[in-house]
């Protein structure tokens, strides 16, 4: 391993040659000094860069129109940094399940160069991959098998997250850095998010302190996950587990309160995740050598088989929209405007269906902050759906929860209407009534709203 004093000593056209394929670690572990050197060195040309959700405001030049002429970005999950480049055709978007990324990293020629972040070493000489594993381990292993180059940053603020490490021999160049890690600020849940959190906790989060297993949780960041955490604490359940792709500050709260013990998980008494995001440096410091949590590659965390093996797996994700058939889309605003990425939503939706007592939930406010309706008659033409009607996903808005299991298409459509705001609900009900494709919707309504539990009824269980 060669220790270097500047990124330019390793990130240059002598090391990174035309035709090379690069893989960069993402999220809070994006190696910012290395990527900035790539952004500014215009002699590095005709290379491809794979990435998953790069974060860090300083990295904006990496996606400039000029830099995209020499670096072909192959974006697996969009961030605010790459969105303009992807939607203007300067960069390429790859829709891909998170569980599949390590396999893709191993296929074909694989990466020639890996740009990563590490912490350590520990007493055994091993380095942690810090806050982001996803497909990084597979990319490193393939790069080394192909006699490629691994260039690492050791950020003084990067926590040593237990679980997934690499030996010193895997690193060719090591740069010491010290800069603030990207964070995920926590927003106080508004009234609508609070109602959603209460519905989920009341109906779907089970206590495990008795003789039956408690729920195992997967959710991300944002108002709704924070509201779910608040409601879980209010409900007073115990002995929950965590098996997730993203571990957030909200989940750390549950660990600190003693709610999460992972008691019911098979052979593992700690929380598992592939990606970690915190609201501040204190949150990242909490992760450092903390035996309550461990990292794993995303072909483990997001494997349908691993998910299905968890007791009472409760997966909580969000979406951009849902239609009356039950199609759900989460990565795009329309067929040609990519907002984020497919990510692991489908992995957890399908894995939860095979977990004993598991449920897959899509939780979202009924409208955007601008008042745009998220419950619509038909999904946009050509949209990428992250879940289809056959996935039988439970839908939750501030108005209640819809369980589509055992419902016909027409019954599901009627129930979905009641997730919408009252002014939109009437229009959707009329659309169903006027469309002969829906079988006898009037009779479905006469029997009550099929599969629908309103907010007021749900919270009786809190």
Protein backbone atom coordinates (compact mmCIF):
# COMPACT_ATOMS: atom_id res chain seq x y z
CA UNK A 1 0.00 0.00 0.00
CA UNK A 2 1.28 3.43 -0.98
CA UNK A 3 0.39 6.36 1.26
CA UNK A 4 -0.14 9.53 -0.74
CA UNK A 5 -0.38 13.16 0.37
CA UNK A 6 -2.76 14.37 -2.35
CA UNK A 7 -5.51 12.79 -4.42
CA UNK A 8 -3.78 13.82 -7.64
CA UNK A 9 -0.92 11.39 -6.94
CA UNK A 10 -3.29 8.49 -7.68
CA UNK A 11 -6.18 10.06 -9.59
CA UNK A 12 -4.49 11.03 -12.82
CA UNK A 13 -4.27 9.91 -16.43
CA UNK A 14 -1.22 7.71 -15.73
CA UNK A 15 -3.21 5.54 -13.30
CA UNK A 16 -6.71 5.93 -14.79
CA UNK A 17 -6.45 5.20 -18.49
CA UNK A 18 -8.87 5.54 -21.42
CA UNK A 19 -11.34 2.67 -21.46
CA UNK A 20 -11.14 2.05 -17.71
CA UNK A 21 -14.28 1.28 -15.73
CA UNK A 22 -14.43 2.93 -12.30
CA UNK A 23 -16.61 2.15 -9.29
CA UNK A 24 -17.10 4.81 -6.60
CA UNK A 25 -18.47 4.25 -3.11
CA UNK A 26 -21.60 6.33 -2.51
CA UNK A 27 -23.88 7.89 0.08
CA UNK A 28 -22.01 9.40 3.06
CA UNK A 29 -18.89 7.40 2.15
CA UNK A 30 -18.37 9.01 -1.26
CA UNK A 31 -14.58 9.64 -1.38
CA UNK A 32 -14.85 13.36 -2.01
CA UNK A 33 -11.17 14.27 -2.44
CA UNK A 34 -10.66 11.47 -4.96
CA UNK A 35 -13.81 12.32 -6.88
CA UNK A 36 -12.95 16.02 -6.92
CA UNK A 37 -9.58 15.16 -8.45
CA UNK A 38 -11.43 13.17 -11.11
CA UNK A 39 -13.76 16.11 -11.70
CA UNK A 40 -10.94 18.58 -12.27
CA UNK A 41 -8.41 16.50 -14.21
CA UNK A 42 -9.61 16.84 -17.80
CA UNK A 43 -6.75 14.66 -19.04
CA UNK A 44 -8.68 11.67 -17.64
CA UNK A 45 -10.90 10.80 -20.57
CA UNK A 46 -13.06 8.07 -22.06
CA UNK A 47 -13.77 6.35 -18.74
CA UNK A 48 -17.00 5.07 -17.20
CA UNK A 49 -17.93 5.67 -13.57
CA UNK A 50 -20.54 3.56 -11.76
CA UNK A 51 -22.05 5.03 -8.60
CA UNK A 52 -24.96 4.66 -6.18
CA UNK A 53 -26.29 7.92 -4.68
CA UNK A 54 -23.21 10.12 -4.45
CA UNK A 55 -23.53 12.74 -1.69
CA UNK A 56 -21.46 15.81 -0.83
CA UNK A 57 -22.10 19.34 -2.07
CA UNK A 58 -18.47 19.70 -3.17
CA UNK A 59 -19.00 17.03 -5.84
CA UNK A 60 -21.20 19.16 -8.10
CA UNK A 61 -18.37 19.69 -10.68
CA UNK A 62 -18.23 15.93 -11.22
CA UNK A 63 -21.56 16.15 -13.04
CA UNK A 64 -20.96 19.31 -15.07
CA UNK A 65 -21.77 19.08 -18.77
CA UNK A 66 -18.08 19.52 -19.59
CA UNK A 67 -16.88 16.75 -17.26
CA UNK A 68 -19.61 14.40 -18.52
CA UNK A 69 -18.02 14.55 -21.98
CA UNK A 70 -14.96 12.67 -20.72
CA UNK A 71 -16.53 10.64 -17.89
CA UNK A 72 -19.54 8.49 -18.75
CA UNK A 73 -21.55 8.43 -15.57
CA UNK A 74 -23.53 5.24 -15.10
CA UNK A 75 -25.83 6.20 -12.27
CA UNK A 76 -27.59 3.38 -10.42
CA UNK A 77 -29.36 5.68 -7.95
CA UNK A 78 -29.81 9.39 -8.58
CA UNK A 79 -28.96 12.08 -6.04
CA UNK A 80 -29.47 15.83 -6.22
CA UNK A 81 -25.97 16.00 -7.72
CA UNK A 82 -26.63 13.74 -10.71
CA UNK A 83 -30.31 14.50 -11.41
CA UNK A 84 -29.70 17.29 -13.95
CA UNK A 85 -27.06 15.29 -15.82
CA UNK A 86 -29.25 12.19 -16.03
CA UNK A 87 -32.36 14.04 -17.15
CA UNK A 88 -30.47 16.05 -19.77
CA UNK A 89 -28.79 13.02 -21.28
CA UNK A 90 -25.27 13.89 -20.08
CA UNK A 91 -25.25 10.81 -17.84
CA UNK A 92 -26.79 7.34 -18.08
CA UNK A 93 -29.30 5.90 -15.62
CA UNK A 94 -29.32 2.17 -14.82
CA UNK A 95 -32.54 0.94 -13.18
CA UNK A 96 -31.38 -1.89 -10.95
CA UNK A 97 -32.47 -3.65 -7.77
CA UNK A 98 -29.99 -2.95 -4.98
CA UNK A 99 -29.65 -6.70 -4.39
CA UNK A 100 -28.37 -7.14 -7.95
CA UNK A 101 -25.57 -4.56 -7.94
CA UNK A 102 -22.83 -6.82 -6.46
CA UNK A 103 -23.57 -9.49 -9.06
CA UNK A 104 -23.34 -6.93 -11.85
CA UNK A 105 -20.05 -5.65 -10.38
CA UNK A 106 -18.63 -9.18 -10.68
CA UNK A 107 -19.87 -9.82 -14.22
CA UNK A 108 -17.89 -9.23 -17.38
CA UNK A 109 -14.64 -7.36 -17.12
CA UNK A 110 -15.65 -5.67 -13.87
CA UNK A 111 -14.12 -2.43 -12.56
CA UNK A 112 -10.51 -1.49 -13.30
CA UNK A 113 -10.37 1.17 -10.57
CA UNK A 114 -12.22 1.49 -7.24
CA UNK A 115 -12.50 4.81 -5.40
CA UNK A 116 -13.48 4.12 -1.79
CA UNK A 117 -13.54 5.39 1.79
CA UNK A 118 -12.23 3.43 4.76
CA UNK A 119 -11.69 3.62 8.51
CA UNK A 120 -9.05 1.82 10.52
CA UNK A 121 -7.08 -0.33 10.58
CA UNK A 122 -8.12 -2.51 13.50
CA UNK A 123 -5.63 -4.63 15.44
CA UNK A 124 -5.84 -7.29 12.75
CA UNK A 125 -4.81 -4.83 10.06
CA UNK A 126 -8.25 -4.70 8.49
CA UNK A 127 -10.07 -1.61 7.26
CA UNK A 128 -13.79 -0.97 7.63
CA UNK A 129 -15.77 0.21 4.61
CA UNK A 130 -17.36 2.75 6.92
CA UNK A 131 -20.89 3.95 6.35
CA UNK A 132 -21.49 2.37 2.95
CA UNK A 133 -20.99 -1.19 1.82
CA UNK A 134 -23.69 -1.78 -0.87
CA UNK A 135 -21.69 -3.37 -3.75
CA UNK A 136 -18.31 -1.96 -2.75
CA UNK A 137 -16.87 -5.25 -1.47
CA UNK A 138 -17.75 -7.05 -4.73
CA UNK A 139 -16.26 -4.19 -6.76
CA UNK A 140 -13.01 -4.29 -4.75
CA UNK A 141 -12.67 -8.05 -5.03
CA UNK A 142 -13.29 -8.00 -8.78
CA UNK A 143 -10.86 -5.12 -9.25
CA UNK A 144 -8.11 -6.99 -7.42
CA UNK A 145 -8.85 -10.21 -9.33
CA UNK A 146 -8.37 -8.20 -12.53
CA UNK A 147 -5.09 -6.65 -11.30
CA UNK A 148 -6.80 -3.28 -11.06
CA UNK A 149 -6.25 -0.37 -8.69
CA UNK A 150 -8.02 0.41 -5.39
CA UNK A 151 -7.61 4.00 -4.20
CA UNK A 152 -8.89 4.76 -0.69
CA UNK A 153 -9.53 7.79 1.47
CA UNK A 154 -9.20 7.45 5.23
CA UNK A 155 -11.39 10.24 6.57
CA UNK A 156 -10.67 11.00 10.23
CA UNK A 157 -14.43 11.39 10.77
CA UNK A 158 -15.45 8.09 9.19
CA UNK A 159 -16.70 5.58 11.80
CA UNK A 160 -15.28 2.06 11.92
CA UNK A 161 -18.53 0.20 11.31
CA UNK A 162 -18.20 -3.43 12.28
CA UNK A 163 -19.05 -6.31 10.01
CA UNK A 164 -17.50 -5.78 6.56
CA UNK A 165 -13.76 -5.18 6.32
CA UNK A 166 -10.94 -5.52 3.81
CA UNK A 167 -7.26 -6.32 4.44
CA UNK A 168 -4.57 -3.74 3.86
CA UNK A 169 -3.41 -5.74 0.83
CA UNK A 170 -6.62 -4.76 -0.98
CA UNK A 171 -5.62 -1.08 -0.97
CA UNK A 172 -3.06 0.26 -3.47
CA UNK A 173 -3.16 3.93 -2.52
CA UNK A 174 -4.28 5.50 0.78
CA UNK A 175 -4.99 9.20 1.31
CA UNK A 176 -5.63 10.65 4.77
CA UNK A 177 -8.37 13.28 4.82
CA UNK A 178 -10.50 15.13 7.34
CA UNK A 179 -13.77 16.69 6.21
CA UNK A 180 -17.40 16.67 7.29
CA UNK A 181 -19.44 13.66 6.24
CA UNK A 182 -22.71 14.29 4.39
CA UNK A 183 -25.58 14.15 6.83
CA UNK A 184 -29.31 13.62 6.72
CA UNK A 185 -30.98 16.32 8.79
CA UNK A 186 -34.03 15.19 10.75
CA UNK A 187 -37.23 17.15 10.10
CA UNK A 188 -39.92 17.25 12.72
CA UNK A 189 -42.82 15.17 11.36
CA UNK A 190 -45.84 17.27 10.40
CA UNK A 191 -49.42 16.30 11.25
CA UNK A 192 -49.87 14.14 8.16
CA UNK A 193 -46.62 12.23 8.76
CA UNK A 194 -47.58 11.79 12.43
CA UNK A 195 -50.89 10.19 11.45
CA UNK A 196 -49.15 7.83 9.01
CA UNK A 197 -46.67 6.78 11.68
CA UNK A 198 -49.45 6.12 14.18
CA UNK A 199 -51.40 3.98 11.70
CA UNK A 200 -48.36 1.83 10.91
CA UNK A 201 -47.35 1.35 14.53
CA UNK A 202 -50.90 0.59 15.61
CA UNK A 203 -51.73 -1.96 12.91
CA UNK A 204 -48.44 -3.58 11.94
CA UNK A 205 -45.73 -3.33 14.63
CA UNK A 206 -45.95 -6.28 17.04
CA UNK A 207 -44.41 -6.61 20.49
CA UNK A 208 -41.92 -9.44 21.03
CA UNK A 209 -41.53 -9.40 24.77
CA UNK A 210 -43.85 -12.37 25.25
CA UNK A 211 -43.72 -15.80 23.67
CA UNK A 212 -44.26 -14.70 20.07
CA UNK A 213 -41.72 -12.86 17.87
CA UNK A 214 -41.69 -9.11 17.61
CA UNK A 215 -41.50 -7.28 14.30
CA UNK A 216 -38.29 -6.87 12.33
CA UNK A 217 -38.03 -3.40 10.80
CA UNK A 218 -36.84 -1.89 7.55
CA UNK A 219 -37.31 1.78 6.75
CA UNK A 220 -35.31 4.76 5.59
CA UNK A 221 -35.02 8.45 6.40
CA UNK A 222 -37.47 11.32 6.40
CA UNK A 223 -40.56 12.57 8.17
CA UNK A 224 -42.54 9.33 7.95
CA UNK A 225 -39.76 7.06 9.33
CA UNK A 226 -39.26 9.51 12.19
CA UNK A 227 -43.00 9.51 12.81
CA UNK A 228 -43.05 5.70 12.81
CA UNK A 229 -40.25 5.74 15.41
CA UNK A 230 -42.20 8.19 17.59
CA UNK A 231 -45.31 6.00 17.37
CA UNK A 232 -43.39 2.81 18.18
CA UNK A 233 -42.01 4.43 21.32
CA UNK A 234 -45.47 5.63 22.24
CA UNK A 235 -46.96 2.15 21.72
CA UNK A 236 -44.39 0.72 24.12
CA UNK A 237 -43.48 -2.44 22.22
CA UNK A 238 -40.25 -4.30 22.97
CA UNK A 239 -37.87 -6.88 21.52
CA UNK A 240 -37.97 -5.68 17.92
CA UNK A 241 -35.33 -6.47 15.31
CA UNK A 242 -33.70 -4.48 12.51
CA UNK A 243 -32.75 -5.86 9.11
CA UNK A 244 -32.50 -2.98 6.67
CA UNK A 245 -30.63 -1.55 3.71
CA UNK A 246 -30.36 1.89 5.35
CA UNK A 247 -29.78 2.47 9.06
CA UNK A 248 -30.79 5.96 10.15
CA UNK A 249 -30.78 8.14 13.24
CA UNK A 250 -34.42 7.15 13.81
CA UNK A 251 -33.36 3.51 14.17
CA UNK A 252 -30.52 4.46 16.50
CA UNK A 253 -33.17 6.01 18.76
CA UNK A 254 -34.95 2.66 18.99
CA UNK A 255 -31.68 0.93 19.89
CA UNK A 256 -30.85 3.52 22.54
CA UNK A 257 -34.32 3.19 24.09
CA UNK A 258 -33.89 -0.57 24.42
CA UNK A 259 -36.75 -1.28 22.01
CA UNK A 260 -34.52 -3.16 19.56
CA UNK A 261 -32.89 -6.31 20.95
CA UNK A 262 -32.91 -8.55 17.83
CA UNK A 263 -33.89 -11.31 20.24
CA UNK A 264 -36.00 -13.18 17.68
CA UNK A 265 -33.57 -13.10 14.75
CA UNK A 266 -31.86 -16.39 13.87
CA UNK A 267 -28.25 -16.59 15.10
CA UNK A 268 -27.79 -12.80 14.97
CA UNK A 269 -28.41 -10.54 17.96
CA UNK A 270 -27.47 -7.24 16.33
CA UNK A 271 -28.95 -4.93 13.70
CA UNK A 272 -27.88 -5.39 10.09
CA UNK A 273 -27.63 -2.74 7.37
CA UNK A 274 -25.70 -2.00 4.20
CA UNK A 275 -25.80 1.81 4.34
CA UNK A 276 -25.68 4.19 7.31
CA UNK A 277 -26.76 7.85 7.39
CA UNK A 278 -26.78 10.11 10.45
CA UNK A 279 -28.06 13.61 11.11
CA UNK A 280 -24.70 14.87 12.40
CA UNK A 281 -21.19 13.79 13.38
CA UNK A 282 -22.41 12.68 16.78
CA UNK A 283 -24.58 10.14 14.99
CA UNK A 284 -21.64 8.86 12.99
CA UNK A 285 -19.52 8.66 16.15
CA UNK A 286 -22.26 6.49 17.70
CA UNK A 287 -21.67 3.93 14.93
CA UNK A 288 -17.93 3.69 15.58
CA UNK A 289 -17.12 0.12 16.76
CA UNK A 290 -20.67 -0.19 18.07
CA UNK A 291 -21.49 -3.89 18.42
CA UNK A 292 -25.24 -3.16 18.26
CA UNK A 293 -24.97 -2.72 14.50
CA UNK A 294 -23.03 -4.37 11.71
CA UNK A 295 -22.68 -3.80 8.00
CA UNK A 296 -23.23 -6.33 5.23
CA UNK A 297 -23.14 -6.14 1.42
CA UNK A 298 -26.49 -5.42 -0.21
CA UNK A 299 -26.69 -8.84 -1.85
CA UNK A 300 -27.15 -10.06 1.74
CA UNK A 301 -29.26 -7.29 3.29
CA UNK A 302 -31.49 -7.08 0.22
CA UNK A 303 -31.59 -10.74 -0.67
CA UNK A 304 -35.18 -11.93 -0.82
CA UNK A 305 -34.03 -15.06 1.03
CA UNK A 306 -32.35 -13.10 3.84
CA UNK A 307 -35.38 -10.85 4.20
CA UNK A 308 -37.81 -13.78 4.18
CA UNK A 309 -35.77 -15.41 6.95
CA UNK A 310 -36.55 -12.55 9.36
CA UNK A 311 -39.48 -12.94 11.77
CA UNK A 312 -42.45 -10.65 11.05
CA UNK A 313 -40.55 -8.50 8.57
CA UNK A 314 -42.19 -5.07 8.30
CA UNK A 315 -40.85 -3.06 5.38
CA UNK A 316 -41.82 0.61 5.17
CA UNK A 317 -40.99 2.52 2.02
CA UNK A 318 -42.36 5.51 0.16
CA UNK A 319 -43.38 6.26 -3.40
CA UNK A 320 -44.05 9.08 -5.81
CA UNK A 321 -47.45 7.73 -6.78
CA UNK A 322 -49.92 4.85 -6.89
CA UNK A 323 -52.84 4.19 -9.22
CA UNK A 324 -56.18 2.47 -8.73
CA UNK A 325 -54.84 -0.83 -10.04
CA UNK A 326 -52.10 -0.91 -7.40
CA UNK A 327 -49.14 0.05 -9.60
CA UNK A 328 -46.51 1.91 -7.56
CA UNK A 329 -43.67 4.07 -8.85
CA UNK A 330 -40.85 5.51 -6.78
CA UNK A 331 -37.92 6.43 -9.03
CA UNK A 332 -39.49 8.64 -11.71
CA UNK A 333 -41.82 11.60 -12.02
CA UNK A 334 -42.74 10.50 -15.52
CA UNK A 335 -41.36 8.03 -18.04
CA UNK A 336 -38.43 10.27 -19.01
CA UNK A 337 -37.69 12.14 -15.78
CA UNK A 338 -35.71 10.11 -13.25
CA UNK A 339 -35.85 11.40 -9.70
CA UNK A 340 -34.04 8.77 -7.63
CA UNK A 341 -33.73 5.06 -8.40
CA UNK A 342 -35.27 1.64 -8.04
CA UNK A 343 -33.08 0.91 -5.02
CA UNK A 344 -34.15 -1.86 -2.70
CA UNK A 345 -37.88 -1.27 -2.58
CA UNK A 346 -38.84 -4.32 -4.65
CA UNK A 347 -36.30 -6.50 -2.80
CA UNK A 348 -37.95 -5.82 0.54
CA UNK A 349 -41.50 -5.86 -0.78
CA UNK A 350 -41.06 -9.36 -2.16
CA UNK A 351 -38.94 -10.65 0.70
CA UNK A 352 -41.44 -9.49 3.31
CA UNK A 353 -44.22 -11.45 1.60
CA UNK A 354 -42.36 -14.68 2.44
CA UNK A 355 -41.44 -13.72 6.00
CA UNK A 356 -43.65 -15.43 8.62
CA UNK A 357 -46.13 -12.70 9.56
CA UNK A 358 -44.35 -10.17 7.36
CA UNK A 359 -45.95 -7.21 5.57
CA UNK A 360 -44.76 -4.78 2.92
CA UNK A 361 -45.96 -1.20 3.35
CA UNK A 362 -45.82 1.82 1.07
CA UNK A 363 -46.39 4.92 3.20
CA UNK A 364 -46.89 8.35 1.66
CA UNK A 365 -48.81 11.55 2.09
CA UNK A 366 -51.82 11.76 -0.20
CA UNK A 367 -50.48 14.89 -1.91
CA UNK A 368 -47.12 16.54 -2.44
CA UNK A 369 -46.21 19.76 -0.64
CA UNK A 370 -47.39 21.55 -3.79
CA UNK A 371 -50.80 19.89 -3.63
CA UNK A 372 -50.23 17.39 -6.45
CA UNK A 373 -52.28 14.22 -5.94
CA UNK A 374 -50.31 11.01 -5.41
CA UNK A 375 -53.33 8.71 -5.70
CA UNK A 376 -54.29 8.74 -9.38
CA UNK A 377 -56.59 6.89 -11.75
CA UNK A 378 -53.82 5.60 -14.02
CA UNK A 379 -50.04 5.62 -13.70
CA UNK A 380 -48.17 7.79 -16.24
CA UNK A 381 -47.61 6.03 -19.55
CA UNK A 382 -44.26 4.27 -19.70
CA UNK A 383 -43.43 4.85 -16.03
CA UNK A 384 -41.08 2.41 -14.28
CA UNK A 385 -43.09 0.63 -11.60
CA UNK A 386 -41.26 -0.49 -8.47
CA UNK A 387 -44.22 -2.64 -7.41
CA UNK A 388 -47.10 -4.13 -9.36
CA UNK A 389 -50.63 -5.10 -8.24
CA UNK A 390 -49.60 -8.74 -7.72
CA UNK A 391 -47.13 -7.65 -5.02
CA UNK A 392 -50.07 -7.07 -2.66
CA UNK A 393 -48.52 -4.06 -0.94
CA UNK A 394 -50.28 -2.41 1.98
CA UNK A 395 -50.81 1.31 1.29
CA UNK A 396 -50.90 3.93 4.05
CA UNK A 397 -51.68 7.64 3.84
CA UNK A 398 -52.77 10.08 6.52
CA UNK A 399 -56.37 8.94 5.94
CA UNK A 400 -55.87 5.26 6.69
CA UNK A 401 -54.46 1.93 5.51
CA UNK A 402 -55.51 -0.32 2.63
CA UNK A 403 -54.72 -4.03 2.77
CA UNK A 404 -55.26 -5.33 -0.80
CA UNK A 405 -54.76 -8.97 0.06
CA UNK A 406 -57.75 -11.08 -0.97
CA UNK A 407 -59.31 -8.13 -2.85
CA UNK A 408 -60.32 -8.14 -6.50
CA UNK A 409 -59.11 -5.40 -8.83
CA UNK A 410 -62.40 -3.52 -8.46
CA UNK A 411 -62.47 -3.88 -4.68
CA UNK A 412 -58.86 -2.70 -4.47
CA UNK A 413 -59.68 0.34 -6.60
CA UNK A 414 -62.55 1.31 -4.31
CA UNK A 415 -60.37 0.99 -1.22
CA UNK A 416 -57.53 2.96 -2.82
CA UNK A 417 -59.87 5.91 -3.41
CA UNK A 418 -60.26 6.36 0.32
CA UNK A 419 -56.51 6.91 0.73
CA UNK A 420 -56.87 10.11 -1.28
CA UNK A 421 -57.88 13.54 -0.01
CA UNK A 422 -61.66 14.04 0.12
CA UNK A 423 -61.81 16.40 -2.88
CA UNK A 424 -59.93 13.91 -5.06
CA UNK A 425 -61.68 10.89 -3.58
CA UNK A 426 -65.03 11.82 -5.16
CA UNK A 427 -63.46 12.09 -8.61
CA UNK A 428 -61.77 8.71 -8.28
CA UNK A 429 -64.94 7.00 -7.05
CA UNK A 430 -66.82 8.44 -10.06
CA UNK A 431 -64.08 7.19 -12.41
CA UNK A 432 -64.52 3.67 -11.02
CA UNK A 433 -68.31 3.87 -11.21
CA UNK A 434 -68.22 5.01 -14.85
CA UNK A 435 -65.69 2.42 -16.01
CA UNK A 436 -67.14 -1.01 -16.89
CA UNK A 437 -63.69 -2.55 -16.41
CA UNK A 438 -64.28 -2.49 -12.65
CA UNK A 439 -66.62 -5.28 -11.60
CA UNK A 440 -69.66 -4.04 -9.62
CA UNK A 441 -67.94 -1.29 -7.59
CA UNK A 442 -71.30 -0.14 -6.18
CA UNK A 443 -71.81 -3.48 -4.45
CA UNK A 444 -68.29 -3.32 -3.03
CA UNK A 445 -69.01 0.07 -1.46
CA UNK A 446 -72.34 -1.11 -0.04
CA UNK A 447 -70.46 -3.71 1.98
CA UNK A 448 -68.18 -1.05 3.41
CA UNK A 449 -64.85 0.12 2.03
CA UNK A 450 -63.00 -3.09 1.11
CA UNK A 451 -59.70 -3.61 2.93
CA UNK A 452 -59.64 -0.04 4.25
CA UNK A 453 -59.01 0.92 7.90
CA UNK A 454 -59.51 4.66 8.55
CA UNK A 455 -57.11 6.57 10.79
CA UNK A 456 -59.60 6.89 13.64
CA UNK A 457 -60.20 3.15 13.75
CA UNK A 458 -56.53 2.23 13.39
CA UNK A 459 -55.25 4.29 16.33
CA UNK A 460 -57.62 2.56 18.72
CA UNK A 461 -54.86 -0.07 18.93
CA UNK A 462 -52.17 2.35 20.05
